[in-house]
Amino acid sequence: MNLINTLTIDEFDAVIEFDPDIKMFRGEFVGLNGGADFYAESVAGLEKEGRRSLKVFLEMCRERGIEPRKSFSGKFVVRVPPKLHARATETAAARRVSLNELVKAALERETADDAAA
Protein backbone atom coordinates (compact mmCIF):
# COMPACT_ATOMS: atom_id res chain seq x y z
CA MET A 1 0.00 0.00 0.00
CA ASN A 2 1.57 3.29 -1.10
CA LEU A 3 -0.78 5.85 0.43
CA ILE A 4 -0.21 8.93 2.51
CA ASN A 5 -0.34 8.17 6.23
CA THR A 6 0.42 4.47 5.88
CA LEU A 7 3.46 2.44 6.71
CA THR A 8 4.15 -1.15 5.64
CA ILE A 9 6.13 -3.35 7.98
CA ASP A 10 6.83 -6.94 6.94
CA GLU A 11 3.91 -6.89 4.49
CA PHE A 12 1.45 -5.62 7.14
CA ASP A 13 -0.06 -2.16 6.61
CA ALA A 14 -0.49 0.39 9.38
CA VAL A 15 -2.34 3.70 9.36
CA ILE A 16 -0.30 6.54 10.86
CA GLU A 17 -1.74 9.58 12.64
CA PHE A 18 -0.22 12.39 14.65
CA ASP A 19 -1.56 12.85 18.19
CA PRO A 20 -1.07 16.54 19.05
CA ASP A 21 -1.95 15.97 22.72
CA ILE A 22 1.09 13.81 23.32
CA LYS A 23 3.12 15.11 20.36
CA MET A 24 3.73 11.62 19.00
CA PHE A 25 2.85 9.61 15.93
CA ARG A 26 0.50 6.66 16.42
CA GLY A 27 0.43 3.66 14.14
CA GLU A 28 -2.27 1.02 14.03
CA PHE A 29 -2.06 -2.12 11.92
CA VAL A 30 -5.15 -2.70 9.80
CA GLY A 31 -6.72 -5.93 8.58
CA LEU A 32 -5.73 -7.92 11.66
CA ASN A 33 -7.76 -10.30 13.82
CA GLY A 34 -7.05 -8.09 16.81
CA GLY A 35 -5.36 -4.85 17.68
CA ALA A 36 -1.72 -3.88 17.37
CA ASP A 37 -0.73 -0.24 17.73
CA PHE A 38 2.45 1.67 18.44
CA TYR A 39 3.72 5.18 19.21
CA ALA A 40 6.91 7.06 18.35
CA GLU A 41 8.28 10.55 17.78
CA SER A 42 9.84 9.85 14.34
CA VAL A 43 9.47 7.66 11.28
CA ALA A 44 12.49 5.59 12.34
CA GLY A 45 10.90 5.19 15.76
CA LEU A 46 7.59 4.18 14.18
CA GLU A 47 9.31 1.46 12.19
CA LYS A 48 11.13 0.16 15.27
CA GLU A 49 8.07 0.24 17.54
CA GLY A 50 5.85 -1.10 14.76
CA ARG A 51 8.10 -4.13 14.31
CA ARG A 52 8.06 -4.71 18.06
CA SER A 53 4.26 -4.43 18.28
CA LEU A 54 3.77 -6.69 15.25
CA LYS A 55 6.16 -9.30 16.66
CA VAL A 56 4.21 -9.45 19.95
CA PHE A 57 0.89 -9.67 18.06
CA LEU A 58 2.12 -12.47 15.75
CA GLU A 59 3.56 -14.43 18.71
CA MET A 60 0.19 -14.21 20.50
CA CYS A 61 -1.58 -15.42 17.34
CA ARG A 62 0.79 -18.40 17.04
CA GLU A 63 0.31 -19.31 20.72
CA ARG A 64 -3.49 -19.16 20.40
CA GLY A 65 -3.71 -20.73 16.95
CA ILE A 66 -5.30 -17.63 15.44
CA GLU A 67 -4.83 -16.50 11.85
CA PRO A 68 -3.27 -13.00 12.15
CA ARG A 69 -5.05 -11.48 9.16
CA LYS A 70 -8.79 -11.01 8.88
CA SER A 71 -10.46 -12.85 6.05
CA PHE A 72 -12.81 -10.93 3.79
CA SER A 73 -15.81 -12.41 1.99
CA GLY A 74 -15.86 -9.86 -0.81
CA LYS A 75 -19.33 -8.69 0.21
CA PHE A 76 -20.33 -5.61 2.19
CA VAL A 77 -23.23 -3.18 2.46
CA VAL A 78 -22.75 0.41 1.35
CA ARG A 79 -25.15 3.07 2.63
CA VAL A 80 -25.49 6.12 0.40
CA PRO A 81 -28.09 8.87 0.00
CA PRO A 82 -31.00 7.85 -2.28
CA LYS A 83 -30.07 10.46 -4.92
CA LEU A 84 -26.51 9.08 -5.15
CA HIS A 85 -27.91 5.55 -5.41
CA ALA A 86 -30.14 6.68 -8.30
CA ARG A 87 -27.28 8.48 -10.09
CA ALA A 88 -25.00 5.46 -9.70
CA THR A 89 -27.69 3.15 -11.08
CA GLU A 90 -28.26 5.49 -14.05
CA THR A 91 -24.50 5.76 -14.70
CA ALA A 92 -24.10 1.98 -14.59
CA ALA A 93 -26.99 1.52 -17.02
CA ALA A 94 -25.58 4.15 -19.39
CA ARG A 95 -22.22 2.34 -19.36
CA ARG A 96 -23.94 -1.02 -19.79
CA VAL A 97 -22.42 -2.46 -16.60
CA SER A 98 -23.95 -3.63 -13.36
CA LEU A 99 -24.07 -1.37 -10.33
CA ASN A 100 -21.66 -3.84 -8.69
CA GLU A 101 -19.15 -3.42 -11.54
CA LEU A 102 -19.41 0.38 -11.33
CA VAL A 103 -18.75 0.34 -7.58
CA LYS A 104 -15.93 -2.20 -8.00
CA ALA A 105 -14.23 0.03 -10.59
CA ALA A 106 -14.56 3.07 -8.31
CA LEU A 107 -13.06 1.16 -5.38
CA GLU A 108 -10.20 -0.13 -7.53
CA ARG A 109 -9.48 3.41 -8.72
CA GLU A 110 -9.60 4.87 -5.20
CA THR A 111 -7.42 2.18 -3.62
CA ALA A 112 -4.83 1.72 -6.38
CA ASP A 113 -1.17 1.99 -5.41
CA ASP A 114 0.56 5.15 -6.64
CA ALA A 115 2.96 2.97 -8.64
CA ALA A 116 0.08 1.41 -10.57
CA ALA A 117 -1.58 4.74 -11.37
C-alpha atoms as a PDB file:
ATOM      1  CA  MET A   1       0.000   0.000   0.000  1.00  0.00           C
ATOM      2  CA  ASN A   2       1.574   3.286  -1.095  1.00  0.00           C
ATOM      3  CA  LEU A   3      -0.775   5.846   0.431  1.00  0.00           C
ATOM      4  CA  ILE A   4      -0.208   8.934   2.508  1.00  0.00           C
ATOM      5  CA  ASN A   5      -0.341   8.167   6.228  1.00  0.00           C
ATOM      6  CA  THR A   6       0.417   4.472   5.875  1.00  0.00           C
ATOM      7  CA  LEU A   7       3.463   2.440   6.708  1.00  0.00           C
ATOM      8  CA  THR A   8       4.149  -1.148   5.642  1.00  0.00           C
ATOM      9  CA  ILE A   9       6.127  -3.346   7.980  1.00  0.00           C
ATOM     10  CA  ASP A  10       6.825  -6.942   6.945  1.00  0.00           C
ATOM     11  CA  GLU A  11       3.905  -6.891   4.487  1.00  0.00           C
ATOM     12  CA  PHE A  12       1.454  -5.617   7.139  1.00  0.00           C
ATOM     13  CA  ASP A  13      -0.055  -2.157   6.613  1.00  0.00           C
ATOM     14  CA  ALA A  14      -0.493   0.388   9.381  1.00  0.00           C
ATOM     15  CA  VAL A  15      -2.344   3.699   9.356  1.00  0.00           C
ATOM     16  CA  ILE A  16      -0.303   6.537  10.857  1.00  0.00           C
ATOM     17  CA  GLU A  17      -1.743   9.584  12.637  1.00  0.00           C
ATOM     18  CA  PHE A  18      -0.219  12.391  14.651  1.00  0.00           C
ATOM     19  CA  ASP A  19      -1.561  12.850  18.185  1.00  0.00           C
ATOM     20  CA  PRO A  20      -1.070  16.537  19.049  1.00  0.00           C
ATOM     21  CA  ASP A  21      -1.953  15.970  22.720  1.00  0.00           C
ATOM     22  CA  ILE A  22       1.094  13.805  23.318  1.00  0.00           C
ATOM     23  CA  LYS A  23       3.118  15.114  20.356  1.00  0.00           C
ATOM     24  CA  MET A  24       3.729  11.623  18.998  1.00  0.00           C
ATOM     25  CA  PHE A  25       2.847   9.606  15.929  1.00  0.00           C
ATOM     26  CA  ARG A  26       0.502   6.659  16.424  1.00  0.00           C
ATOM     27  CA  GLY A  27       0.432   3.656  14.139  1.00  0.00           C
ATOM     28  CA  GLU A  28      -2.272   1.018  14.025  1.00  0.00           C
ATOM     29  CA  PHE A  29      -2.060  -2.124  11.922  1.00  0.00           C
ATOM     30  CA  VAL A  30      -5.150  -2.705   9.795  1.00  0.00           C
ATOM     31  CA  GLY A  31      -6.716  -5.926   8.575  1.00  0.00           C
ATOM     32  CA  LEU A  32      -5.727  -7.923  11.662  1.00  0.00           C
ATOM     33  CA  ASN A  33      -7.764 -10.301  13.819  1.00  0.00           C
ATOM     34  CA  GLY A  34      -7.047  -8.094  16.812  1.00  0.00           C
ATOM     35  CA  GLY A  35      -5.361  -4.848  17.680  1.00  0.00           C
ATOM     36  CA  ALA A  36      -1.720  -3.880  17.368  1.00  0.00           C
ATOM     37  CA  ASP A  37      -0.734  -0.242  17.735  1.00  0.00           C
ATOM     38  CA  PHE A  38       2.450   1.671  18.444  1.00  0.00           C
ATOM     39  CA  TYR A  39       3.722   5.178  19.211  1.00  0.00           C
ATOM     40  CA  ALA A  40       6.906   7.059  18.352  1.00  0.00           C
ATOM     41  CA  GLU A  41       8.280  10.550  17.776  1.00  0.00           C
ATOM     42  CA  SER A  42       9.840   9.845  14.344  1.00  0.00           C
ATOM     43  CA  VAL A  43       9.471   7.655  11.278  1.00  0.00           C
ATOM     44  CA  ALA A  44      12.491   5.590  12.340  1.00  0.00           C
ATOM     45  CA  GLY A  45      10.896   5.192  15.760  1.00  0.00           C
ATOM     46  CA  LEU A  46       7.587   4.184  14.177  1.00  0.00           C
ATOM     47  CA  GLU A  47       9.309   1.459  12.187  1.00  0.00           C
ATOM     48  CA  LYS A  48      11.128   0.163  15.274  1.00  0.00           C
ATOM     49  CA  GLU A  49       8.070   0.244  17.540  1.00  0.00           C
ATOM     50  CA  GLY A  50       5.850  -1.105  14.758  1.00  0.00           C
ATOM     51  CA  ARG A  51       8.100  -4.134  14.306  1.00  0.00           C
ATOM     52  CA  ARG A  52       8.059  -4.715  18.062  1.00  0.00           C
ATOM     53  CA  SER A  53       4.264  -4.430  18.279  1.00  0.00           C
ATOM     54  CA  LEU A  54       3.770  -6.689  15.249  1.00  0.00           C
ATOM     55  CA  LYS A  55       6.163  -9.301  16.655  1.00  0.00           C
ATOM     56  CA  VAL A  56       4.211  -9.453  19.946  1.00  0.00           C
ATOM     57  CA  PHE A  57       0.894  -9.668  18.058  1.00  0.00           C
ATOM     58  CA  LEU A  58       2.123 -12.467  15.752  1.00  0.00           C
ATOM     59  CA  GLU A  59       3.558 -14.426  18.712  1.00  0.00           C
ATOM     60  CA  MET A  60       0.191 -14.211  20.497  1.00  0.00           C
ATOM     61  CA  CYS A  61      -1.580 -15.419  17.339  1.00  0.00           C
ATOM     62  CA  ARG A  62       0.786 -18.404  17.044  1.00  0.00           C
ATOM     63  CA  GLU A  63       0.308 -19.309  20.719  1.00  0.00           C
ATOM     64  CA  ARG A  64      -3.490 -19.163  20.403  1.00  0.00           C
ATOM     65  CA  GLY A  65      -3.711 -20.735  16.946  1.00  0.00           C
ATOM     66  CA  ILE A  66      -5.300 -17.625  15.445  1.00  0.00           C
ATOM     67  CA  GLU A  67      -4.829 -16.500  11.850  1.00  0.00           C
ATOM     68  CA  PRO A  68      -3.265 -13.000  12.154  1.00  0.00           C
ATOM     69  CA  ARG A  69      -5.052 -11.477   9.160  1.00  0.00           C
ATOM     70  CA  LYS A  70      -8.794 -11.014   8.878  1.00  0.00           C
ATOM     71  CA  SER A  71     -10.461 -12.855   6.050  1.00  0.00           C
ATOM     72  CA  PHE A  72     -12.810 -10.929   3.789  1.00  0.00           C
ATOM     73  CA  SER A  73     -15.807 -12.411   1.990  1.00  0.00           C
ATOM     74  CA  GLY A  74     -15.860  -9.856  -0.807  1.00  0.00           C
ATOM     75  CA  LYS A  75     -19.334  -8.691   0.214  1.00  0.00           C
ATOM     76  CA  PHE A  76     -20.327  -5.606   2.193  1.00  0.00           C
ATOM     77  CA  VAL A  77     -23.232  -3.181   2.459  1.00  0.00           C
ATOM     78  CA  VAL A  78     -22.751   0.410   1.353  1.00  0.00           C
ATOM     79  CA  ARG A  79     -25.146   3.075   2.628  1.00  0.00           C
ATOM     80  CA  VAL A  80     -25.492   6.121   0.396  1.00  0.00           C
ATOM     81  CA  PRO A  81     -28.089   8.866   0.002  1.00  0.00           C
ATOM     82  CA  PRO A  82     -30.999   7.849  -2.276  1.00  0.00           C
ATOM     83  CA  LYS A  83     -30.070  10.458  -4.917  1.00  0.00           C
ATOM     84  CA  LEU A  84     -26.513   9.084  -5.151  1.00  0.00           C
ATOM     85  CA  HIS A  85     -27.908   5.549  -5.415  1.00  0.00           C
ATOM     86  CA  ALA A  86     -30.144   6.682  -8.300  1.00  0.00           C
ATOM     87  CA  ARG A  87     -27.278   8.485 -10.094  1.00  0.00           C
ATOM     88  CA  ALA A  88     -24.997   5.460  -9.698  1.00  0.00           C
ATOM     89  CA  THR A  89     -27.686   3.154 -11.083  1.00  0.00           C
ATOM     90  CA  GLU A  90     -28.255   5.490 -14.047  1.00  0.00           C
ATOM     91  CA  THR A  91     -24.505   5.765 -14.698  1.00  0.00           C
ATOM     92  CA  ALA A  92     -24.103   1.978 -14.589  1.00  0.00           C
ATOM     93  CA  ALA A  93     -26.989   1.524 -17.023  1.00  0.00           C
ATOM     94  CA  ALA A  94     -25.579   4.145 -19.387  1.00  0.00           C
ATOM     95  CA  ARG A  95     -22.216   2.338 -19.357  1.00  0.00           C
ATOM     96  CA  ARG A  96     -23.940  -1.025 -19.786  1.00  0.00           C
ATOM     97  CA  VAL A  97     -22.419  -2.460 -16.604  1.00  0.00           C
ATOM     98  CA  SER A  98     -23.955  -3.633 -13.357  1.00  0.00           C
ATOM     99  CA  LEU A  99     -24.067  -1.373 -10.333  1.00  0.00           C
ATOM    100  CA  ASN A 100     -21.663  -3.836  -8.687  1.00  0.00           C
ATOM    101  CA  GLU A 101     -19.153  -3.419 -11.544  1.00  0.00           C
ATOM    102  CA  LEU A 102     -19.412   0.383 -11.327  1.00  0.00           C
ATOM    103  CA  VAL A 103     -18.751   0.337  -7.579  1.00  0.00           C
ATOM    104  CA  LYS A 104     -15.931  -2.201  -7.996  1.00  0.00           C
ATOM    105  CA  ALA A 105     -14.228   0.031 -10.591  1.00  0.00           C
ATOM    106  CA  ALA A 106     -14.565   3.067  -8.312  1.00  0.00           C
ATOM    107  CA  LEU A 107     -13.060   1.156  -5.381  1.00  0.00           C
ATOM    108  CA  GLU A 108     -10.199  -0.135  -7.529  1.00  0.00           C
ATOM    109  CA  ARG A 109      -9.479   3.407  -8.722  1.00  0.00           C
ATOM    110  CA  GLU A 110      -9.595   4.869  -5.202  1.00  0.00           C
ATOM    111  CA  THR A 111      -7.420   2.178  -3.622  1.00  0.00           C
ATOM    112  CA  ALA A 112      -4.830   1.716  -6.379  1.00  0.00           C
ATOM    113  CA  ASP A 113      -1.166   1.993  -5.413  1.00  0.00           C
ATOM    114  CA  ASP A 114       0.558   5.155  -6.636  1.00  0.00           C
ATOM    115  CA  ALA A 115       2.961   2.975  -8.637  1.00  0.00           C
ATOM    116  CA  ALA A 116       0.085   1.407 -10.570  1.00  0.00           C
ATOM    117  CA  ALA A 117      -1.579   4.744 -11.374  1.00  0.00           C
END
